[in-house]
Amino acid sequence: MKSFLCILLIFWVTNTKAQTIIDRDPEIAKMVSDVSRDSLQSYINTLVAFGTRNTLSTQTDSKRGIGAARNWVLKKFNEFAKGSNGRLSAMIDTTTIQPNGKRVDKPFILGNVVATLKGTDPNDTRIFIISGHLDTRRSDVMDITGDAPGADDDGSGTAAVIECARIMSRHSFPATIIFVAVSGEEQGLLGSTFMANKAKKENWNIEGVFNNDIIGSNNSNETDIINNTKVRVFSEGIPMYETEKNIKRIMALGLENDSKSRQLARYIKEIGERYVDNLQVQMVYRTDRFLRGGDHLPYLQNGFTAVRITEMNENFTRQHQDVRKENGIDYGDVPKWIDYEYLRKNTALNLCNLANLAKAPSAPEDVKIEIKNLSNTTSLSWEKPKSGKVNGYYVLIRETVSPVWQKKIFTKENKMTLPYSKDNYFFAVQSESETGNESLPVMPTVSR
């Protein structure tokens, strides 16, 4: 009996020591708990009630069409602004779009609904963007009068944007967060292209774009897979904007899987799984779904870091479909197909990542890896970030075969030598705030 108890005690001690302790920032954990299924459902029901939100639909009707929808989103943002101590401001940012011979057959005013939560640190120019597209479509993308409810595509993404604005506007962050419901996605990414081009022209310091498109349903057609515990994050490998010379450098260093957008995807996985229970982030090594695109693409084309967040299993009987029943199948993107618990988790995924990034210092500067001599150790060095109070730094390590960072070693120094070979491991460095919030990781450049 004593031997059995000893074995049991050893087993308990061993397994207790092996458990991973998750340290959550209490402020962020509270914000995550504030994400409301009821609020998300209310937003989607209101959006669907506008009948159609086709980009080319009426802008003068107070109850129907894209104009009424964007005015309502603006109203919600302005309601949140009242409790933000002047930090949140909102507007409809407009531009005139001319006929293009494709999905625009008449001139119209395109409007993105934008709410900006200004950062509290005047020296911190970083901007993080969460985006969903407000517009919808029918089977015929040029049908601008018939009902196009768009509960999931992309009422779900827009609802996530609104809910994040509601909660985060009551808090302050050193960096700036922009919440945007764009128009024109179904007409050719018009709204996001307008915003990304403007950001490039005005030199916005965008460090991350979270494009949420179709994040509220948990099952697929044809394969009949049902799963509300996984979500996909799409990120590009070799950046679209890189020159041939830089692509050769990327390939020489073996960094095809380490673009800034892919680092953001890894970050989203780590932080999301830290704060959101029963949700696994599935990193997909594609810029977007097979031969398709979304509102993060114009940002990538302008050299910004951006990813797409999308439900794990798409159902094509509910995307771009007129509402109808045909051959026993219900078609159409209506609210009854939304899994609001799944949408809550995916909204929380966005919120905790935005909050952790905006609370963190900026990333360390001038991160270098020394290659003066061949060796089986690795020496790294870096400089302090441009903004934010730094508690210390994490040196990240992963095997070349691993999709995620496997080790995080904390230091208060600005250099470190590690007993890990550059042949077999990748390295990066991130800053940490006094409240334990990490910046995006920075891959080292070569120092001779």
Protein backbone atom coordinates (compact mmCIF):
# COMPACT_ATOMS: atom_id res chain seq x y z
CA MET A 1 0.00 0.00 0.00
CA LYS A 2 2.85 2.37 0.89
CA SER A 3 4.58 1.60 -2.44
CA PHE A 4 1.38 2.44 -4.31
CA LEU A 5 1.06 5.75 -2.45
CA CYS A 6 4.70 6.62 -3.21
CA ILE A 7 4.18 5.91 -6.91
CA LEU A 8 0.99 8.00 -6.89
CA LEU A 9 2.80 10.87 -5.14
CA ILE A 10 5.68 10.78 -7.64
CA PHE A 11 3.18 10.76 -10.53
CA TRP A 12 1.30 13.75 -9.04
CA VAL A 13 4.48 15.78 -8.43
CA THR A 14 5.89 15.02 -11.89
CA ASN A 15 2.70 15.99 -13.67
CA THR A 16 2.17 19.08 -11.52
CA LYS A 17 5.64 20.37 -12.46
CA ALA A 18 4.95 19.59 -16.12
CA GLN A 19 1.84 21.75 -16.25
CA THR A 20 2.11 24.99 -18.18
CA ILE A 21 1.14 28.10 -16.26
CA ILE A 22 -0.62 30.69 -18.41
CA ASP A 23 -0.02 34.25 -17.25
CA ARG A 24 -2.86 36.49 -18.36
CA ASP A 25 -2.90 40.26 -18.08
CA PRO A 26 -5.92 40.83 -15.76
CA GLU A 27 -7.09 43.87 -17.73
CA ILE A 28 -7.09 41.95 -21.00
CA ALA A 29 -8.70 38.91 -19.38
CA LYS A 30 -11.51 41.14 -18.15
CA MET A 31 -12.00 42.63 -21.63
CA VAL A 32 -12.19 39.12 -23.09
CA SER A 33 -14.84 38.15 -20.53
CA ASP A 34 -16.85 41.25 -21.50
CA VAL A 35 -17.33 40.05 -25.10
CA SER A 36 -21.07 39.42 -25.30
CA ARG A 37 -22.91 36.86 -27.43
CA ASP A 38 -26.08 38.90 -26.98
CA SER A 39 -24.41 42.06 -28.29
CA LEU A 40 -23.02 40.23 -31.31
CA GLN A 41 -26.43 38.74 -32.09
CA SER A 42 -28.07 42.16 -31.77
CA TYR A 43 -25.56 43.72 -34.20
CA ILE A 44 -26.11 40.99 -36.81
CA ASN A 45 -29.89 41.15 -36.54
CA THR A 46 -29.77 44.91 -37.06
CA LEU A 47 -27.44 44.61 -40.05
CA VAL A 48 -29.64 41.96 -41.68
CA ALA A 49 -32.71 44.16 -41.14
CA PHE A 50 -31.34 46.68 -43.65
CA GLY A 51 -32.40 44.19 -46.35
CA THR A 52 -29.41 44.62 -48.61
CA ARG A 53 -26.04 46.18 -47.96
CA ASN A 54 -24.85 45.94 -51.54
CA THR A 55 -22.24 48.65 -52.12
CA LEU A 56 -24.27 50.04 -55.04
CA SER A 57 -27.59 49.99 -53.16
CA THR A 58 -29.48 53.07 -52.01
CA GLN A 59 -27.71 55.65 -49.83
CA THR A 60 -30.77 57.82 -49.25
CA ASP A 61 -33.25 55.41 -47.66
CA SER A 62 -33.13 55.68 -43.85
CA LYS A 63 -34.04 52.04 -43.29
CA ARG A 64 -32.65 50.06 -46.21
CA GLY A 65 -29.39 49.76 -48.11
CA ILE A 66 -25.72 50.49 -47.60
CA GLY A 67 -26.31 54.12 -46.65
CA ALA A 68 -28.59 53.27 -43.73
CA ALA A 69 -26.23 50.48 -42.61
CA ARG A 70 -23.13 52.63 -42.48
CA ASN A 71 -25.02 55.43 -40.70
CA TRP A 72 -26.06 52.92 -38.04
CA VAL A 73 -22.47 51.69 -37.57
CA LEU A 74 -21.33 55.31 -37.24
CA LYS A 75 -24.05 55.85 -34.62
CA LYS A 76 -22.79 52.87 -32.61
CA PHE A 77 -19.19 54.13 -32.75
CA ASN A 78 -20.32 57.58 -31.59
CA GLU A 79 -22.23 56.01 -28.69
CA PHE A 80 -19.04 54.26 -27.59
CA ALA A 81 -17.07 57.49 -28.00
CA LYS A 82 -19.10 59.09 -25.19
CA GLY A 83 -17.49 56.74 -22.67
CA SER A 84 -13.96 56.99 -24.03
CA ASN A 85 -12.83 60.23 -22.36
CA GLY A 86 -12.31 61.77 -25.76
CA ARG A 87 -10.02 59.04 -27.07
CA LEU A 88 -12.45 57.52 -29.63
CA SER A 89 -13.60 59.49 -32.68
CA ALA A 90 -15.60 58.24 -35.66
CA MET A 91 -16.35 59.24 -39.24
CA ILE A 92 -17.45 57.93 -42.62
CA ASP A 93 -14.46 58.27 -44.90
CA THR A 94 -15.71 58.69 -48.46
CA THR A 95 -14.41 58.70 -51.99
CA THR A 96 -16.05 58.70 -55.44
CA ILE A 97 -15.72 55.50 -57.44
CA GLN A 98 -16.15 55.61 -61.21
CA PRO A 99 -17.53 52.79 -63.42
CA ASN A 100 -14.82 50.22 -64.11
CA GLY A 101 -16.44 47.84 -66.59
CA LYS A 102 -16.43 45.09 -63.98
CA ARG A 103 -18.58 45.26 -60.85
CA VAL A 104 -19.18 49.01 -60.84
CA ASP A 105 -21.58 50.24 -63.55
CA LYS A 106 -22.23 53.76 -62.28
CA PRO A 107 -20.44 56.47 -60.28
CA PHE A 108 -21.14 56.26 -56.56
CA ILE A 109 -19.90 57.46 -53.19
CA LEU A 110 -18.02 54.73 -51.34
CA GLY A 111 -17.85 55.09 -47.55
CA ASN A 112 -15.80 53.28 -44.93
CA VAL A 113 -16.99 53.68 -41.33
CA VAL A 114 -13.86 54.37 -39.29
CA ALA A 115 -13.44 54.73 -35.52
CA THR A 116 -10.01 55.68 -34.17
CA LEU A 117 -9.00 54.98 -30.57
CA LYS A 118 -6.07 57.34 -30.19
CA GLY A 119 -3.03 56.03 -28.34
CA THR A 120 -2.02 57.75 -25.10
CA ASP A 121 1.74 57.85 -25.81
CA PRO A 122 2.57 60.81 -28.10
CA ASN A 123 5.85 59.11 -29.02
CA ASP A 124 4.13 55.89 -30.09
CA THR A 125 3.07 56.12 -33.75
CA ARG A 126 2.04 52.48 -34.10
CA ILE A 127 -1.40 51.70 -35.55
CA PHE A 128 -3.28 48.40 -35.36
CA ILE A 129 -6.39 47.90 -37.52
CA ILE A 130 -9.34 45.53 -37.12
CA SER A 131 -11.53 45.32 -40.21
CA GLY A 132 -14.71 43.66 -41.44
CA HIS A 133 -16.67 44.43 -44.61
CA LEU A 134 -20.11 45.97 -44.29
CA ASP A 135 -21.35 45.21 -47.81
CA THR A 136 -23.22 42.10 -48.99
CA ARG A 137 -24.23 40.53 -52.30
CA ARG A 138 -26.76 38.23 -53.91
CA SER A 139 -26.05 35.39 -56.34
CA ASP A 140 -25.88 38.13 -58.99
CA VAL A 141 -23.36 40.61 -57.60
CA MET A 142 -24.97 43.40 -59.67
CA ASP A 143 -28.43 42.86 -58.14
CA ILE A 144 -28.62 45.91 -55.86
CA THR A 145 -32.31 45.80 -54.87
CA GLY A 146 -33.08 42.26 -53.72
CA ASP A 147 -32.47 41.10 -50.16
CA ALA A 148 -28.87 40.15 -49.34
CA PRO A 149 -28.82 39.51 -45.57
CA GLY A 150 -25.10 38.77 -45.21
CA ALA A 151 -25.33 37.52 -41.63
CA ASP A 152 -22.00 35.69 -41.77
CA ASP A 153 -20.47 37.29 -44.90
CA ASP A 154 -19.63 39.65 -43.45
CA GLY A 155 -22.07 40.60 -40.74
CA SER A 156 -19.97 38.43 -38.43
CA GLY A 157 -16.75 40.35 -39.13
CA THR A 158 -18.51 43.70 -38.84
CA ALA A 159 -20.11 42.64 -35.55
CA ALA A 160 -16.67 41.66 -34.20
CA VAL A 161 -15.32 45.11 -35.13
CA ILE A 162 -18.23 46.86 -33.38
CA GLU A 163 -17.97 44.71 -30.25
CA CYS A 164 -14.20 45.25 -29.97
CA ALA A 165 -14.80 49.01 -30.28
CA ARG A 166 -17.46 48.88 -27.57
CA ILE A 167 -15.19 47.20 -25.06
CA MET A 168 -11.81 48.68 -25.94
CA SER A 169 -13.06 52.27 -26.07
CA ARG A 170 -13.40 52.10 -22.28
CA HIS A 171 -9.67 51.40 -21.92
CA SER A 172 -6.51 53.27 -22.88
CA PHE A 173 -3.51 51.99 -24.81
CA PRO A 174 -0.16 53.57 -25.73
CA ALA A 175 -0.66 52.68 -29.42
CA THR A 176 -3.58 53.61 -31.68
CA ILE A 177 -6.30 51.13 -32.69
CA ILE A 178 -8.55 51.68 -35.71
CA PHE A 179 -11.90 49.90 -36.06
CA VAL A 180 -13.25 49.93 -39.61
CA ALA A 181 -16.29 48.57 -41.44
CA VAL A 182 -15.29 48.84 -45.10
CA SER A 183 -17.56 48.90 -48.14
CA GLY A 184 -16.95 47.57 -51.61
CA GLU A 185 -15.37 44.21 -50.76
CA GLU A 186 -17.75 42.29 -53.00
CA GLN A 187 -17.23 44.86 -55.78
CA GLY A 188 -13.47 44.29 -55.84
CA LEU A 189 -11.93 45.23 -52.46
CA LEU A 190 -12.73 48.89 -53.14
CA GLY A 191 -12.99 50.13 -49.56
CA SER A 192 -9.86 48.43 -48.27
CA THR A 193 -7.92 49.55 -51.35
CA PHE A 194 -8.99 53.15 -50.71
CA MET A 195 -7.92 52.92 -47.06
CA ALA A 196 -4.63 51.08 -47.70
CA ASN A 197 -3.62 53.51 -50.45
CA LYS A 198 -4.45 56.45 -48.17
CA ALA A 199 -2.39 54.91 -45.36
CA LYS A 200 0.57 54.46 -47.69
CA LYS A 201 0.33 58.02 -49.02
CA GLU A 202 0.08 59.51 -45.52
CA ASN A 203 2.83 57.26 -44.07
CA TRP A 204 0.72 55.59 -41.41
CA ASN A 205 2.81 53.35 -39.17
CA ILE A 206 0.53 50.29 -39.47
CA GLU A 207 2.05 47.32 -37.63
CA GLY A 208 -0.81 44.89 -38.07
CA VAL A 209 -4.14 44.53 -39.88
CA PHE A 210 -6.71 41.97 -38.67
CA ASN A 211 -9.12 41.34 -41.55
CA ASN A 212 -12.17 39.43 -40.30
CA ASP A 213 -14.25 37.93 -43.09
CA ILE A 214 -16.74 35.12 -42.36
CA ILE A 215 -16.02 34.22 -38.73
CA GLY A 216 -19.40 33.19 -37.34
CA SER A 217 -20.46 29.78 -38.67
CA ASN A 218 -19.16 26.38 -37.61
CA ASN A 219 -20.07 23.91 -40.35
CA SER A 220 -19.37 23.18 -44.00
CA ASN A 221 -21.48 21.91 -46.85
CA GLU A 222 -20.47 18.77 -48.80
CA THR A 223 -18.07 17.54 -46.10
CA ASP A 224 -20.57 18.18 -43.25
CA ILE A 225 -17.76 19.04 -40.82
CA ILE A 226 -18.97 20.81 -37.68
CA ASN A 227 -16.34 22.43 -35.46
CA ASN A 228 -16.44 25.60 -33.37
CA THR A 229 -13.10 25.04 -31.65
CA LYS A 230 -10.80 26.03 -34.53
CA VAL A 231 -10.33 29.18 -36.61
CA ARG A 232 -8.05 29.85 -39.58
CA VAL A 233 -5.49 32.63 -39.89
CA PHE A 234 -4.15 33.16 -43.40
CA SER A 235 -0.79 34.89 -43.89
CA GLU A 236 1.52 35.46 -46.82
CA GLY A 237 4.97 33.88 -47.08
CA ILE A 238 7.27 35.94 -49.29
CA PRO A 239 5.85 39.50 -49.19
CA MET A 240 4.12 40.77 -52.32
CA TYR A 241 6.05 44.03 -52.35
CA GLU A 242 9.58 42.59 -52.11
CA THR A 243 12.07 43.20 -54.89
CA GLU A 244 13.89 40.39 -56.67
CA LYS A 245 17.05 41.25 -54.72
CA ASN A 246 15.27 40.96 -51.37
CA ILE A 247 13.58 37.72 -52.39
CA LYS A 248 17.00 36.22 -53.09
CA ARG A 249 18.15 37.36 -49.62
CA ILE A 250 15.05 35.82 -48.01
CA MET A 251 15.67 32.51 -49.75
CA ALA A 252 19.40 32.53 -48.92
CA LEU A 253 18.57 32.88 -45.22
CA GLY A 254 15.75 30.33 -45.38
CA LEU A 255 13.13 32.88 -44.26
CA GLU A 256 10.36 32.00 -46.72
CA ASN A 257 8.15 31.14 -43.75
CA ASP A 258 9.04 34.21 -41.69
CA SER A 259 7.43 37.27 -43.26
CA LYS A 260 6.08 39.92 -40.89
CA SER A 261 2.56 38.75 -41.64
CA ARG A 262 3.46 35.19 -40.76
CA GLN A 263 5.02 36.44 -37.52
CA LEU A 264 1.72 38.19 -36.80
CA ALA A 265 -0.11 34.91 -37.42
CA ARG A 266 2.16 33.12 -34.93
CA TYR A 267 1.57 35.91 -32.45
CA ILE A 268 -2.22 35.64 -32.90
CA LYS A 269 -2.02 31.92 -32.22
CA GLU A 270 0.05 32.30 -29.04
CA ILE A 271 -1.92 35.18 -27.53
CA GLY A 272 -5.31 33.92 -28.70
CA GLU A 273 -4.83 30.49 -27.18
CA ARG A 274 -3.55 32.16 -23.99
CA TYR A 275 -6.76 34.12 -23.43
CA VAL A 276 -9.56 32.30 -25.27
CA ASP A 277 -10.48 28.88 -23.96
CA ASN A 278 -11.51 26.05 -26.30
CA LEU A 279 -10.20 27.77 -29.42
CA GLN A 280 -7.29 26.56 -31.51
CA VAL A 281 -5.76 28.90 -34.06
CA GLN A 282 -4.93 27.10 -37.28
CA MET A 283 -2.23 28.93 -39.21
CA VAL A 284 -2.72 28.44 -42.94
CA TYR A 285 0.37 29.01 -45.08
CA ARG A 286 -1.49 30.85 -47.81
CA THR A 287 -2.18 34.53 -48.32
CA ASP A 288 -5.88 33.66 -48.59
CA ARG A 289 -8.14 30.77 -49.52
CA PHE A 290 -7.30 28.91 -52.74
CA LEU A 291 -7.38 31.40 -55.65
CA ARG A 292 -9.46 33.88 -53.62
CA GLY A 293 -8.81 37.16 -51.88
CA GLY A 294 -9.96 39.56 -49.20
CA ASP A 295 -9.56 43.00 -47.68
CA HIS A 296 -6.08 42.34 -46.27
CA LEU A 297 -4.60 42.10 -49.78
CA PRO A 298 -4.45 45.86 -50.52
CA TYR A 299 -2.52 46.37 -47.28
CA LEU A 300 -0.05 43.64 -48.24
CA GLN A 301 0.35 45.20 -51.68
CA ASN A 302 1.25 48.49 -49.98
CA GLY A 303 3.88 46.84 -47.79
CA PHE A 304 1.88 46.58 -44.55
CA THR A 305 1.58 43.55 -42.26
CA ALA A 306 -1.86 41.95 -42.55
CA VAL A 307 -3.67 38.63 -42.05
CA ARG A 308 -7.11 37.21 -42.71
CA ILE A 309 -9.15 35.53 -39.94
CA THR A 310 -11.85 33.15 -41.19
CA GLU A 311 -14.01 30.37 -39.79
CA MET A 312 -12.56 26.87 -40.03
CA ASN A 313 -15.21 25.34 -42.33
CA GLU A 314 -16.96 27.49 -44.93
CA ASN A 315 -20.44 26.68 -46.16
CA PHE A 316 -20.88 27.71 -49.79
CA THR A 317 -24.67 27.23 -49.73
CA ARG A 318 -24.72 30.34 -47.53
CA GLN A 319 -22.20 32.56 -49.34
CA HIS A 320 -23.20 34.74 -52.30
CA GLN A 321 -26.56 32.98 -52.49
CA ASP A 322 -30.12 34.26 -52.84
CA VAL A 323 -32.26 33.08 -49.91
CA ARG A 324 -34.26 30.09 -51.15
CA LYS A 325 -34.90 26.36 -50.75
CA GLU A 326 -33.80 24.20 -53.64
CA ASN A 327 -33.64 20.40 -53.86
CA GLY A 328 -34.20 20.22 -50.13
CA ILE A 329 -31.24 22.54 -49.37
CA ASP A 330 -31.63 25.88 -47.59
CA TYR A 331 -29.59 28.55 -49.37
CA GLY A 332 -28.81 32.01 -48.07
CA ASP A 333 -26.75 33.81 -45.44
CA VAL A 334 -29.32 34.29 -42.67
CA PRO A 335 -28.87 34.70 -38.88
CA LYS A 336 -30.13 31.23 -37.92
CA TRP A 337 -26.90 29.71 -39.20
CA ILE A 338 -24.68 31.81 -36.93
CA ASP A 339 -23.02 30.09 -33.95
CA TYR A 340 -22.84 33.00 -31.51
CA GLU A 341 -20.57 31.21 -29.05
CA TYR A 342 -18.10 30.59 -31.89
CA LEU A 343 -18.41 34.23 -32.96
CA ARG A 344 -17.81 35.31 -29.37
CA LYS A 345 -14.58 33.33 -29.23
CA ASN A 346 -13.37 34.67 -32.58
CA THR A 347 -14.17 38.22 -31.50
CA ALA A 348 -12.27 37.66 -28.26
CA LEU A 349 -9.35 36.34 -30.33
CA ASN A 350 -9.14 39.70 -32.08
CA LEU A 351 -9.59 41.71 -28.90
CA CYS A 352 -6.91 40.04 -26.80
CA ASN A 353 -4.35 40.32 -29.59
CA LEU A 354 -5.12 43.96 -30.33
CA ALA A 355 -4.96 44.80 -26.62
CA ASN A 356 -1.73 42.91 -26.00
CA LEU A 357 -0.04 44.57 -28.98
CA ALA A 358 -1.30 48.05 -28.17
CA LYS A 359 -0.21 47.74 -24.51
CA ALA A 360 3.25 46.41 -25.41
CA PRO A 361 6.28 48.56 -26.21
CA SER A 362 7.25 48.80 -29.84
CA ALA A 363 9.52 46.04 -31.13
CA PRO A 364 13.27 46.07 -30.41
CA GLU A 365 15.44 47.90 -32.94
CA ASP A 366 18.44 46.72 -34.96
CA VAL A 367 18.21 43.03 -34.07
CA LYS A 368 21.38 41.30 -35.30
CA ILE A 369 22.75 37.77 -35.49
CA GLU A 370 26.53 37.48 -35.60
CA ILE A 371 28.07 35.34 -38.34
CA LYS A 372 31.73 36.39 -38.04
CA ASN A 373 32.80 32.81 -37.34
CA LEU A 374 31.29 29.40 -37.97
CA SER A 375 30.03 28.08 -34.64
CA ASN A 376 27.36 25.94 -33.03
CA THR A 377 26.35 28.79 -30.75
CA THR A 378 24.30 31.81 -31.74
CA SER A 379 24.96 35.39 -30.62
CA LEU A 380 22.17 37.97 -30.86
CA SER A 381 22.12 41.68 -30.06
CA TRP A 382 19.52 44.44 -30.28
CA GLU A 383 18.68 48.00 -29.31
CA LYS A 384 15.81 49.25 -27.18
CA PRO A 385 12.48 50.01 -28.91
CA LYS A 386 11.52 53.50 -30.07
CA SER A 387 8.57 53.77 -27.69
CA GLY A 388 7.19 52.25 -24.52
CA LYS A 389 8.48 51.28 -21.10
CA VAL A 390 10.46 48.05 -21.34
CA ASN A 391 10.65 45.48 -18.59
CA GLY A 392 12.87 43.18 -20.63
CA TYR A 393 13.04 41.08 -23.77
CA TYR A 394 12.17 37.58 -24.92
CA VAL A 395 14.49 35.68 -27.20
CA LEU A 396 12.36 33.26 -29.23
CA ILE A 397 13.67 29.96 -30.55
CA ARG A 398 12.17 27.32 -32.80
CA GLU A 399 13.50 24.43 -34.84
CA THR A 400 13.47 24.99 -38.59
CA VAL A 401 10.79 22.30 -38.90
CA SER A 402 8.49 23.91 -36.32
CA PRO A 403 5.64 26.22 -37.38
CA VAL A 404 5.57 28.00 -33.99
CA TRP A 405 8.06 29.40 -31.50
CA GLN A 406 9.04 26.67 -29.04
CA LYS A 407 11.08 28.52 -26.40
CA LYS A 408 10.92 32.01 -24.89
CA ILE A 409 13.96 33.05 -22.86
CA PHE A 410 13.64 36.24 -20.82
CA THR A 411 16.48 38.71 -20.34
CA LYS A 412 16.92 42.31 -19.27
CA GLU A 413 20.11 42.57 -21.34
CA ASN A 414 20.47 43.71 -24.96
CA LYS A 415 22.38 40.66 -26.12
CA MET A 416 22.47 36.92 -25.62
CA THR A 417 24.58 33.95 -26.70
CA LEU A 418 22.70 30.68 -26.98
CA PRO A 419 23.86 27.05 -27.30
CA TYR A 420 21.71 26.53 -30.38
CA SER A 421 22.99 26.16 -33.93
CA LYS A 422 21.93 28.64 -36.61
CA ASP A 423 21.70 25.66 -38.96
CA ASN A 424 18.89 24.04 -37.00
CA TYR A 425 17.01 26.90 -35.36
CA PHE A 426 15.35 30.22 -36.10
CA PHE A 427 15.54 33.13 -33.65
CA ALA A 428 13.67 36.35 -32.97
CA VAL A 429 13.47 39.00 -30.24
CA GLN A 430 10.46 40.81 -28.78
CA SER A 431 10.05 43.55 -26.17
CA GLU A 432 8.00 43.07 -23.02
CA SER A 433 6.13 45.76 -21.05
CA GLU A 434 6.01 46.15 -17.30
CA THR A 435 2.59 44.44 -17.37
CA GLY A 436 3.89 41.47 -19.38
CA ASN A 437 2.63 42.42 -22.85
CA GLU A 438 4.85 41.34 -25.73
CA SER A 439 5.61 43.22 -28.95
CA LEU A 440 5.67 41.53 -32.32
CA PRO A 441 8.86 39.49 -32.74
CA VAL A 442 11.71 40.72 -34.94
CA MET A 443 13.85 38.32 -36.96
CA PRO A 444 17.55 39.24 -36.86
CA THR A 445 19.51 40.60 -39.79
CA VAL A 446 23.08 39.50 -40.40
CA SER A 447 26.00 41.19 -38.63
CA ARG A 448 29.50 40.49 -39.92
